[in-house]
Amino acid sequence: MENHERRARDEAKEAVQKIRLEAELLRSAIAETRERIEESRQLLARASPVKCPLAEAH
């Protein structure tokens, strides 16, 4: 029974380690996405306004 419990503990530790790694990857991806969003906002703020042809048709 000890061997079974040890194996179960090892598997649980491995699962937790994988989850932590995935969480770190997600945090990194979220941070990169936020940076890109901010860069896009800055570009849009600097860009000259463009008239929308569809808006003029109404």
PDB file of N, CA and C in Angstrom:
ATOM      1  N   MET A   1       0.825  -1.197   0.000  1.00  0.00           N
ATOM      2  CA  MET A   1       0.000   0.000   0.000  1.00  0.00           C
ATOM      3  C   MET A   1       0.867   1.258   0.000  1.00  0.00           C
ATOM      4  N   GLU A   2       2.011   1.229   0.666  1.00  0.00           N
ATOM      5  CA  GLU A   2       2.890   2.392   0.703  1.00  0.00           C
ATOM      6  C   GLU A   2       3.351   2.775  -0.698  1.00  0.00           C
ATOM      7  N   ASN A   3       3.689   1.776  -1.491  1.00  0.00           N
ATOM      8  CA  ASN A   3       4.147   2.030  -2.852  1.00  0.00           C
ATOM      9  C   ASN A   3       3.064   2.735  -3.667  1.00  0.00           C
ATOM     10  N   HIS A   4       1.827   2.299  -3.496  1.00  0.00           N
ATOM     11  CA  HIS A   4       0.698   2.905  -4.200  1.00  0.00           C
ATOM     12  C   HIS A   4       0.524   4.362  -3.758  1.00  0.00           C
ATOM     13  N   GLU A   5       0.607   4.602  -2.461  1.00  0.00           N
ATOM     14  CA  GLU A   5       0.462   5.974  -1.940  1.00  0.00           C
ATOM     15  C   GLU A   5       1.600   6.863  -2.422  1.00  0.00           C
ATOM     16  N   ARG A   6       2.803   6.320  -2.431  1.00  0.00           N
ATOM     17  CA  ARG A   6       3.952   7.099  -2.894  1.00  0.00           C
ATOM     18  C   ARG A   6       3.786   7.471  -4.371  1.00  0.00           C
ATOM     19  N   ARG A   7       3.351   6.515  -5.161  1.00  0.00           N
ATOM     20  CA  ARG A   7       3.130   6.758  -6.582  1.00  0.00           C
ATOM     21  C   ARG A   7       2.049   7.815  -6.777  1.00  0.00           C
ATOM     22  N   ALA A   8       0.984   7.721  -5.991  1.00  0.00           N
ATOM     23  CA  ALA A   8      -0.107   8.699  -6.093  1.00  0.00           C
ATOM     24  C   ALA A   8       0.391  10.090  -5.718  1.00  0.00           C
ATOM     25  N   ARG A   9       1.223  10.174  -4.664  1.00  0.00           N
ATOM     26  CA  ARG A   9       1.791  11.463  -4.255  1.00  0.00           C
ATOM     27  C   ARG A   9       2.682  12.044  -5.347  1.00  0.00           C
ATOM     28  N   ASP A  10       3.509  11.186  -5.941  1.00  0.00           N
ATOM     29  CA  ASP A  10       4.393  11.638  -7.014  1.00  0.00           C
ATOM     30  C   ASP A  10       3.596  12.149  -8.218  1.00  0.00           C
ATOM     31  N   GLU A  11       2.529  11.426  -8.551  1.00  0.00           N
ATOM     32  CA  GLU A  11       1.685  11.863  -9.664  1.00  0.00           C
ATOM     33  C   GLU A  11       1.003  13.195  -9.351  1.00  0.00           C
ATOM     34  N   ALA A  12       0.572  13.349  -8.113  1.00  0.00           N
ATOM     35  CA  ALA A  12      -0.070  14.607  -7.714  1.00  0.00           C
ATOM     36  C   ALA A  12       0.932  15.759  -7.778  1.00  0.00           C
ATOM     37  N   LYS A  13       2.153  15.526  -7.313  1.00  0.00           N
ATOM     38  CA  LYS A  13       3.183  16.569  -7.373  1.00  0.00           C
ATOM     39  C   LYS A  13       3.473  16.958  -8.815  1.00  0.00           C
ATOM     40  N   GLU A  14       3.542  15.964  -9.692  1.00  0.00           N
ATOM     41  CA  GLU A  14       3.790  16.223 -11.105  1.00  0.00           C
ATOM     42  C   GLU A  14       2.653  17.036 -11.720  1.00  0.00           C
ATOM     43  N   ALA A  15       1.434  16.682 -11.357  1.00  0.00           N
ATOM     44  CA  ALA A  15       0.275  17.413 -11.873  1.00  0.00           C
ATOM     45  C   ALA A  15       0.298  18.869 -11.413  1.00  0.00           C
ATOM     46  N   VAL A  16       0.628  19.084 -10.152  1.00  0.00           N
ATOM     47  CA  VAL A  16       0.707  20.445  -9.624  1.00  0.00           C
ATOM     48  C   VAL A  16       1.802  21.228 -10.339  1.00  0.00           C
ATOM     49  N   GLN A  17       2.928  20.585 -10.581  1.00  0.00           N
ATOM     50  CA  GLN A  17       4.031  21.247 -11.278  1.00  0.00           C
ATOM     51  C   GLN A  17       3.608  21.651 -12.693  1.00  0.00           C
ATOM     52  N   LYS A  18       2.883  20.785 -13.390  1.00  0.00           N
ATOM     53  CA  LYS A  18       2.406  21.100 -14.736  1.00  0.00           C
ATOM     54  C   LYS A  18       1.422  22.264 -14.699  1.00  0.00           C
ATOM     55  N   ILE A  19       0.550  22.267 -13.714  1.00  0.00           N
ATOM     56  CA  ILE A  19      -0.429  23.351 -13.589  1.00  0.00           C
ATOM     57  C   ILE A  19       0.281  24.679 -13.323  1.00  0.00           C
ATOM     58  N   ARG A  20       1.297  24.653 -12.459  1.00  0.00           N
ATOM     59  CA  ARG A  20       2.046  25.883 -12.183  1.00  0.00           C
ATOM     60  C   ARG A  20       2.743  26.395 -13.431  1.00  0.00           C
ATOM     61  N   LEU A  21       3.308  25.496 -14.220  1.00  0.00           N
ATOM     62  CA  LEU A  21       3.971  25.885 -15.462  1.00  0.00           C
ATOM     63  C   LEU A  21       2.963  26.487 -16.437  1.00  0.00           C
ATOM     64  N   GLU A  22       1.821  25.841 -16.577  1.00  0.00           N
ATOM     65  CA  GLU A  22       0.780  26.364 -17.460  1.00  0.00           C
ATOM     66  C   GLU A  22       0.302  27.731 -16.995  1.00  0.00           C
ATOM     67  N   ALA A  23       0.157  27.909 -15.692  1.00  0.00           N
ATOM     68  CA  ALA A  23      -0.270  29.199 -15.155  1.00  0.00           C
ATOM     69  C   ALA A  23       0.760  30.274 -15.476  1.00  0.00           C
ATOM     70  N   GLU A  24       2.025  29.959 -15.358  1.00  0.00           N
ATOM     71  CA  GLU A  24       3.082  30.920 -15.672  1.00  0.00           C
ATOM     72  C   GLU A  24       3.058  31.273 -17.151  1.00  0.00           C
ATOM     73  N   LEU A  25       2.873  30.281 -18.007  1.00  0.00           N
ATOM     74  CA  LEU A  25       2.773  30.547 -19.448  1.00  0.00           C
ATOM     75  C   LEU A  25       1.573  31.437 -19.762  1.00  0.00           C
ATOM     76  N   LEU A  26       0.457  31.178 -19.097  1.00  0.00           N
ATOM     77  CA  LEU A  26      -0.730  32.012 -19.301  1.00  0.00           C
ATOM     78  C   LEU A  26      -0.491  33.446 -18.827  1.00  0.00           C
ATOM     79  N   ARG A  27       0.154  33.598 -17.664  1.00  0.00           N
ATOM     80  CA  ARG A  27       0.465  34.950 -17.172  1.00  0.00           C
ATOM     81  C   ARG A  27       1.344  35.700 -18.163  1.00  0.00           C
ATOM     82  N   SER A  28       2.307  35.000 -18.724  1.00  0.00           N
ATOM     83  CA  SER A  28       3.203  35.598 -19.708  1.00  0.00           C
ATOM     84  C   SER A  28       2.433  36.010 -20.964  1.00  0.00           C
ATOM     85  N   ALA A  29       1.580  35.136 -21.436  1.00  0.00           N
ATOM     86  CA  ALA A  29       0.787  35.438 -22.627  1.00  0.00           C
ATOM     87  C   ALA A  29      -0.145  36.621 -22.381  1.00  0.00           C
ATOM     88  N   ILE A  30      -0.737  36.680 -21.210  1.00  0.00           N
ATOM     89  CA  ILE A  30      -1.628  37.791 -20.861  1.00  0.00           C
ATOM     90  C   ILE A  30      -0.845  39.097 -20.822  1.00  0.00           C
ATOM     91  N   ALA A  31       0.340  39.080 -20.231  1.00  0.00           N
ATOM     92  CA  ALA A  31       1.169  40.284 -20.159  1.00  0.00           C
ATOM     93  C   ALA A  31       1.538  40.763 -21.565  1.00  0.00           C
ATOM     94  N   GLU A  32       1.917  39.840 -22.447  1.00  0.00           N
ATOM     95  CA  GLU A  32       2.248  40.213 -23.827  1.00  0.00           C
ATOM     96  C   GLU A  32       1.033  40.793 -24.542  1.00  0.00           C
ATOM     97  N   THR A  33      -0.122  40.200 -24.329  1.00  0.00           N
ATOM     98  CA  THR A  33      -1.345  40.685 -24.960  1.00  0.00           C
ATOM     99  C   THR A  33      -1.676  42.084 -24.464  1.00  0.00           C
ATOM    100  N   ARG A  34      -1.528  42.322 -23.175  1.00  0.00           N
ATOM    101  CA  ARG A  34      -1.789  43.656 -22.635  1.00  0.00           C
ATOM    102  C   ARG A  34      -0.841  44.683 -23.237  1.00  0.00           C
ATOM    103  N   GLU A  35       0.432  44.304 -23.412  1.00  0.00           N
ATOM    104  CA  GLU A  35       1.398  45.218 -24.028  1.00  0.00           C
ATOM    105  C   GLU A  35       0.980  45.545 -25.459  1.00  0.00           C
ATOM    106  N   ARG A  36       0.559  44.535 -26.201  1.00  0.00           N
ATOM    107  CA  ARG A  36       0.133  44.770 -27.587  1.00  0.00           C
ATOM    108  C   ARG A  36      -1.103  45.654 -27.648  1.00  0.00           C
ATOM    109  N   ILE A  37      -2.018  45.433 -26.730  1.00  0.00           N
ATOM    110  CA  ILE A  37      -3.228  46.273 -26.684  1.00  0.00           C
ATOM    111  C   ILE A  37      -2.832  47.723 -26.411  1.00  0.00           C
ATOM    112  N   GLU A  38      -1.938  47.934 -25.467  1.00  0.00           N
ATOM    113  CA  GLU A  38      -1.495  49.290 -25.148  1.00  0.00           C
ATOM    114  C   GLU A  38      -0.795  49.925 -26.346  1.00  0.00           C
ATOM    115  N   GLU A  39       0.057  49.165 -27.030  1.00  0.00           N
ATOM    116  CA  GLU A  39       0.719  49.685 -28.225  1.00  0.00           C
ATOM    117  C   GLU A  39      -0.308  50.071 -29.295  1.00  0.00           C
ATOM    118  N   SER A  40      -1.310  49.232 -29.475  1.00  0.00           N
ATOM    119  CA  SER A  40      -2.362  49.526 -30.455  1.00  0.00           C
ATOM    120  C   SER A  40      -3.129  50.778 -30.067  1.00  0.00           C
ATOM    121  N   ARG A  41      -3.425  50.942 -28.801  1.00  0.00           N
ATOM    122  CA  ARG A  41      -4.128  52.147 -28.340  1.00  0.00           C
ATOM    123  C   ARG A  41      -3.309  53.395 -28.628  1.00  0.00           C
ATOM    124  N   GLN A  42      -2.007  53.313 -28.365  1.00  0.00           N
ATOM    125  CA  GLN A  42      -1.141  54.457 -28.620  1.00  0.00           C
ATOM    126  C   GLN A  42      -1.091  54.780 -30.111  1.00  0.00           C
ATOM    127  N   LEU A  43      -0.992  53.748 -30.947  1.00  0.00           N
ATOM    128  CA  LEU A  43      -0.998  53.980 -32.397  1.00  0.00           C
ATOM    129  C   LEU A  43      -2.311  54.606 -32.852  1.00  0.00           C
ATOM    130  N   LEU A  44      -3.403  54.126 -32.330  1.00  0.00           N
ATOM    131  CA  LEU A  44      -4.705  54.681 -32.697  1.00  0.00           C
ATOM    132  C   LEU A  44      -4.838  56.129 -32.241  1.00  0.00           C
ATOM    133  N   ALA A  45      -4.298  56.449 -31.068  1.00  0.00           N
ATOM    134  CA  ALA A  45      -4.381  57.805 -30.550  1.00  0.00           C
ATOM    135  C   ALA A  45      -3.573  58.767 -31.428  1.00  0.00           C
ATOM    136  N   ARG A  46      -2.465  58.277 -31.995  1.00  0.00           N
ATOM    137  CA  ARG A  46      -1.615  59.130 -32.833  1.00  0.00           C
ATOM    138  C   ARG A  46      -2.107  59.211 -34.276  1.00  0.00           C
ATOM    139  N   ALA A  47      -2.872  58.221 -34.698  1.00  0.00           N
ATOM    140  CA  ALA A  47      -3.320  58.161 -36.089  1.00  0.00           C
ATOM    141  C   ALA A  47      -4.333  59.261 -36.366  1.00  0.00           C
ATOM    142  N   SER A  48      -4.318  59.747 -37.602  1.00  0.00           N
ATOM    143  CA  SER A  48      -5.308  60.756 -37.969  1.00  0.00           C
ATOM    144  C   SER A  48      -6.656  60.069 -38.145  1.00  0.00           C
ATOM    145  N   PRO A  49      -7.702  60.762 -37.780  1.00  0.00           N
ATOM    146  CA  PRO A  49      -9.033  60.147 -37.921  1.00  0.00           C
ATOM    147  C   PRO A  49      -9.336  59.871 -39.394  1.00  0.00           C
ATOM    148  N   VAL A  50      -9.961  58.759 -39.648  1.00  0.00           N
ATOM    149  CA  VAL A  50     -10.325  58.371 -41.007  1.00  0.00           C
ATOM    150  C   VAL A  50     -11.830  58.409 -41.109  1.00  0.00           C
ATOM    151  N   LYS A  51     -12.318  59.041 -42.154  1.00  0.00           N
ATOM    152  CA  LYS A  51     -13.771  59.082 -42.343  1.00  0.00           C
ATOM    153  C   LYS A  51     -14.249  57.721 -42.831  1.00  0.00           C
ATOM    154  N   CYS A  52     -15.338  57.288 -42.317  1.00  0.00           N
ATOM    155  CA  CYS A  52     -15.906  56.009 -42.689  1.00  0.00           C
ATOM    156  C   CYS A  52     -16.887  56.228 -43.833  1.00  0.00           C
ATOM    157  N   PRO A  53     -16.643  55.664 -45.012  1.00  0.00           N
ATOM    158  CA  PRO A  53     -17.539  55.890 -46.147  1.00  0.00           C
ATOM    159  C   PRO A  53     -18.963  55.407 -45.869  1.00  0.00           C
ATOM    160  N   LEU A  54     -19.098  54.371 -45.083  1.00  0.00           N
ATOM    161  CA  LEU A  54     -20.450  53.866 -44.785  1.00  0.00           C
ATOM    162  C   LEU A  54     -21.235  54.861 -43.941  1.00  0.00           C
ATOM    163  N   ALA A  55     -20.551  55.567 -43.066  1.00  0.00           N
ATOM    164  CA  ALA A  55     -21.232  56.541 -42.200  1.00  0.00           C
ATOM    165  C   ALA A  55     -21.749  57.707 -43.034  1.00  0.00           C
ATOM    166  N   GLU A  56     -21.042  58.059 -44.099  1.00  0.00           N
ATOM    167  CA  GLU A  56     -21.467  59.177 -44.937  1.00  0.00           C
ATOM    168  C   GLU A  56     -22.659  58.800 -45.810  1.00  0.00           C
ATOM    169  N   ALA A  57     -22.842  57.537 -46.068  1.00  0.00           N
ATOM    170  CA  ALA A  57     -23.925  57.076 -46.936  1.00  0.00           C
ATOM    171  C   ALA A  57     -25.286  57.220 -46.274  1.00  0.00           C
ATOM    172  N   HIS A  58     -25.316  57.306 -44.960  1.00  0.00           N
ATOM    173  CA  HIS A  58     -26.613  57.389 -44.263  1.00  0.00           C
ATOM    174  C   HIS A  58     -27.166  58.755 -44.269  1.00  0.00           C
TER     175      HIS A  58
END
